[in-house]
Protein backbone atom coordinates (compact mmCIF):
# COMPACT_ATOMS: atom_id res chain seq x y z
CA MET A 1 137.15 -105.28 153.64
CA GLN A 2 136.18 -108.28 155.78
CA LEU A 3 137.99 -111.33 154.69
CA SER A 4 136.71 -115.11 155.18
CA THR A 5 136.95 -118.36 153.34
CA SER A 6 134.51 -120.64 151.70
CA GLY A 7 135.24 -123.57 150.41
CA THR A 8 139.08 -123.36 149.15
CA PHE A 9 138.22 -119.89 148.20
CA ILE A 10 139.03 -116.70 149.94
CA VAL A 11 136.17 -114.26 150.19
CA ALA A 12 136.00 -110.41 150.07
CA HIS A 13 133.47 -108.40 151.86
CA LEU A 14 133.30 -104.92 150.20
CA LYS A 15 131.25 -102.04 151.40
CA GLY A 16 130.48 -98.51 150.79
CA ALA A 17 132.01 -96.52 147.38
CA ILE A 18 134.77 -98.03 145.08
CA ASP A 19 136.25 -95.23 143.09
CA VAL A 20 139.60 -93.08 142.52
CA ALA A 21 139.88 -92.29 145.95
CA ASN A 22 140.13 -95.91 147.27
CA ALA A 23 140.63 -97.93 143.94
CA ALA A 24 144.49 -98.59 144.20
CA THR A 25 144.52 -99.95 147.82
CA ILE A 26 141.71 -101.95 147.10
CA GLU A 27 143.12 -103.51 144.23
CA SER A 28 146.52 -103.65 146.15
CA GLU A 29 144.71 -105.57 149.31
CA LEU A 30 142.55 -108.07 146.92
CA CYS A 31 145.63 -109.27 145.01
CA HIS A 32 147.54 -110.31 148.11
CA ALA A 33 144.49 -111.36 150.30
CA VAL A 34 144.81 -114.64 147.95
CA PRO A 35 147.34 -117.46 148.73
CA ASN A 36 148.73 -119.92 145.94
CA THR A 37 146.71 -122.70 147.85
CA ALA A 38 143.65 -121.12 147.30
CA ALA A 39 141.22 -122.03 144.16
CA GLY A 40 140.99 -118.33 143.56
CA LEU A 41 138.91 -115.33 145.34
CA ILE A 42 134.86 -114.13 145.30
CA ILE A 43 134.56 -110.25 146.32
CA ASP A 44 130.99 -110.11 147.22
CA LEU A 45 129.37 -106.58 145.97
CA ALA A 46 126.37 -107.04 147.80
CA GLU A 47 127.17 -103.81 149.85
CA VAL A 48 129.11 -101.95 147.50
CA SER A 49 126.78 -98.47 147.21
CA PHE A 50 128.94 -97.09 144.05
CA MET A 51 131.70 -97.98 141.79
CA ASP A 52 133.01 -95.74 138.87
CA SER A 53 135.15 -96.60 136.06
CA SER A 54 138.59 -97.15 138.26
CA GLY A 55 136.45 -99.77 140.58
CA LEU A 56 135.66 -101.55 137.67
CA ARG A 57 138.94 -101.29 136.26
CA VAL A 58 139.95 -103.73 139.69
CA LEU A 59 137.88 -106.40 138.73
CA PHE A 60 139.51 -106.81 135.46
CA VAL A 61 143.05 -106.24 136.96
CA VAL A 62 142.23 -108.77 139.70
CA ASP A 63 140.72 -111.29 136.94
CA GLU A 64 144.31 -111.10 134.93
CA ARG A 65 146.34 -111.35 137.91
CA LEU A 66 144.51 -114.21 139.61
CA ARG A 67 144.32 -116.20 135.70
CA GLY A 68 148.07 -115.67 135.49
CA ARG A 69 148.07 -117.55 138.75
CA GLN A 70 145.75 -120.65 137.15
CA GLN A 71 142.96 -119.37 140.37
CA GLY A 72 139.30 -117.94 139.44
CA LEU A 73 137.59 -114.86 140.20
CA ARG A 74 133.85 -114.67 141.13
CA LEU A 75 131.44 -112.16 141.39
CA VAL A 76 128.62 -111.90 144.24
CA LEU A 77 125.77 -109.31 143.06
CA ALA A 78 122.17 -108.95 143.26
CA GLU A 79 121.18 -109.53 140.07
CA GLY A 80 118.62 -106.22 138.88
CA SER A 81 120.93 -103.65 140.82
CA ASN A 82 122.70 -100.61 139.38
CA LEU A 83 125.84 -102.38 139.92
CA SER A 84 124.73 -105.30 138.23
CA ARG A 85 123.80 -103.47 134.87
CA THR A 86 126.99 -101.55 134.77
CA LEU A 87 128.47 -104.80 135.34
CA ALA A 88 126.80 -106.28 131.91
CA LEU A 89 127.45 -102.93 130.08
CA VAL A 90 131.34 -103.89 130.85
CA HIS A 91 130.19 -107.84 129.68
CA MET A 92 131.85 -108.99 132.88
CA GLN A 93 129.86 -111.93 133.16
CA ASP A 94 131.79 -112.93 130.08
CA LEU A 95 134.81 -113.20 131.91
CA VAL A 96 133.90 -114.24 135.57
CA PRO A 97 130.75 -115.88 137.26
CA ILE A 98 128.54 -113.66 138.91
CA CYS A 99 126.02 -115.00 141.75
CA GLU A 100 123.64 -114.01 144.05
CA ASP A 101 125.37 -115.74 147.17
CA VAL A 102 128.75 -116.90 148.17
CA ALA A 103 128.12 -120.20 148.30
CA SER A 104 126.63 -120.05 144.58
CA ALA A 105 129.58 -118.33 143.81
CA ALA A 106 132.21 -121.11 145.19
CA ALA A 107 130.35 -123.80 143.19
CA ALA A 108 130.05 -122.32 139.86
CA ASP A 109 132.04 -123.35 137.13
CA THR A 110 135.32 -121.85 135.80
CA LEU A 111 134.17 -119.93 132.74
CA PRO A 112 136.55 -120.31 129.32
CA ALA A 113 139.69 -118.78 129.24
CA HIS A 114 140.34 -115.55 127.69
CA GLY A 115 143.16 -113.63 126.12
């Protein structure tokens, strides 16, 4: 995972597979990457080749933790990719903005709170 910033967001660039073998480590790293002063986290999934259910769980857990800290989660992902279709099946777009690039993600409106 490579970290950068875009405006007041931390950006985590992920590559390769996110599965049961590495999901717990990725979840921990993502949760600890965001200081309280940041607006939130943008996870760039453009170079993720595979994500199983443990990877999906990571996204839900990170979103919930950030919301608890009054911070937001944004995802970057190419529309029409296999992963974007998987995220659509679990209605991820109803929880967090999914954008095609980091700049759009940083500018995206926050979605309504969920419970």
